[in-house]
Amino acid sequence: METRYICTYVHCSHPGTNRYEMTFKAESIMDQKNVATPFCPFCKKEMLLAPAVPSDCVHQTTADCHAAD
């Protein structure tokens, strides 16, 4: 399983059409408490953890969470 972080800054200068995403293989991360905070190389803003599945969404700490219906 991979751990994904995405840039959520609205005015990010990333040249792609999607948000900038950084992915780490499971073997490169010991656990979530031992991960440095990743920053976007384009806008220099803090990146947020992307949810693996929608049910993993925590609005305060997870990117791309949708409001509950």
Protein backbone atom coordinates (compact mmCIF):
# COMPACT_ATOMS: atom_id res chain seq x y z
CA MET A 1 0.00 0.00 0.00
CA GLU A 2 1.24 3.47 -0.81
CA THR A 3 0.95 6.66 1.21
CA ARG A 4 -0.09 9.68 -0.83
CA TYR A 5 0.20 13.37 -0.01
CA ILE A 6 -1.36 16.10 -2.14
CA CYS A 7 -0.99 19.85 -2.37
CA THR A 8 -4.25 21.60 -1.48
CA TYR A 9 -3.15 25.19 -2.07
CA VAL A 10 -5.60 26.77 -4.52
CA HIS A 11 -2.97 28.98 -6.18
CA CYS A 12 -0.24 26.35 -6.50
CA SER A 13 2.04 26.90 -9.49
CA HIS A 14 2.11 23.16 -10.39
CA PRO A 15 1.97 23.03 -14.21
CA GLY A 16 -0.31 19.98 -14.36
CA THR A 17 -4.10 19.98 -14.47
CA ASN A 18 -4.38 17.89 -11.29
CA ARG A 19 -3.03 18.72 -7.86
CA TYR A 20 0.60 17.90 -7.21
CA GLU A 21 0.85 14.48 -5.59
CA MET A 22 3.73 12.80 -3.76
CA THR A 23 3.62 9.02 -3.22
CA PHE A 24 5.72 6.90 -0.86
CA LYS A 25 5.96 3.12 -0.92
CA ALA A 26 4.92 1.36 2.28
CA GLU A 27 8.43 0.07 2.97
CA SER A 28 9.84 3.61 2.98
CA ILE A 29 7.63 4.75 5.89
CA MET A 30 7.91 3.16 9.32
CA ASP A 31 4.58 4.58 10.53
CA GLN A 32 2.56 7.82 10.33
CA LYS A 33 4.23 9.19 13.47
CA ASN A 34 7.67 8.98 11.87
CA VAL A 35 7.05 10.95 8.69
CA ALA A 36 8.42 14.42 8.12
CA THR A 37 5.94 17.00 6.90
CA PRO A 38 6.10 17.07 3.09
CA PHE A 39 6.00 20.43 1.32
CA CYS A 40 5.01 21.10 -2.28
CA PRO A 41 8.11 21.86 -4.38
CA PHE A 42 6.11 24.35 -6.47
CA CYS A 43 4.29 26.56 -3.94
CA LYS A 44 6.21 25.54 -0.76
CA LYS A 45 2.95 24.91 1.16
CA GLU A 46 2.41 21.94 3.47
CA MET A 47 0.95 18.89 1.75
CA LEU A 48 -1.87 16.88 3.33
CA LEU A 49 -2.41 13.16 3.54
CA ALA A 50 -4.72 11.94 0.78
CA PRO A 51 -7.44 9.51 1.93
CA ALA A 52 -6.93 5.89 0.85
CA VAL A 53 -10.71 5.43 0.71
CA PRO A 54 -13.53 7.95 1.33
CA SER A 55 -14.31 6.43 4.73
CA ASP A 56 -10.77 7.37 5.89
CA CYS A 57 -11.55 11.05 5.48
CA VAL A 58 -10.85 13.31 8.49
CA HIS A 59 -11.64 16.92 7.50
CA GLN A 60 -9.03 18.51 9.80
CA THR A 61 -6.08 16.38 8.70
CA THR A 62 -6.96 14.85 5.34
CA ALA A 63 -7.05 16.43 1.91
CA ASP A 64 -9.90 16.12 -0.60
CA CYS A 65 -12.61 15.36 1.95
CA HIS A 66 -16.13 16.00 0.73
CA ALA A 67 -18.82 17.36 3.01
CA ALA A 68 -21.16 14.73 4.41
CA ASP A 69 -24.50 14.63 2.63
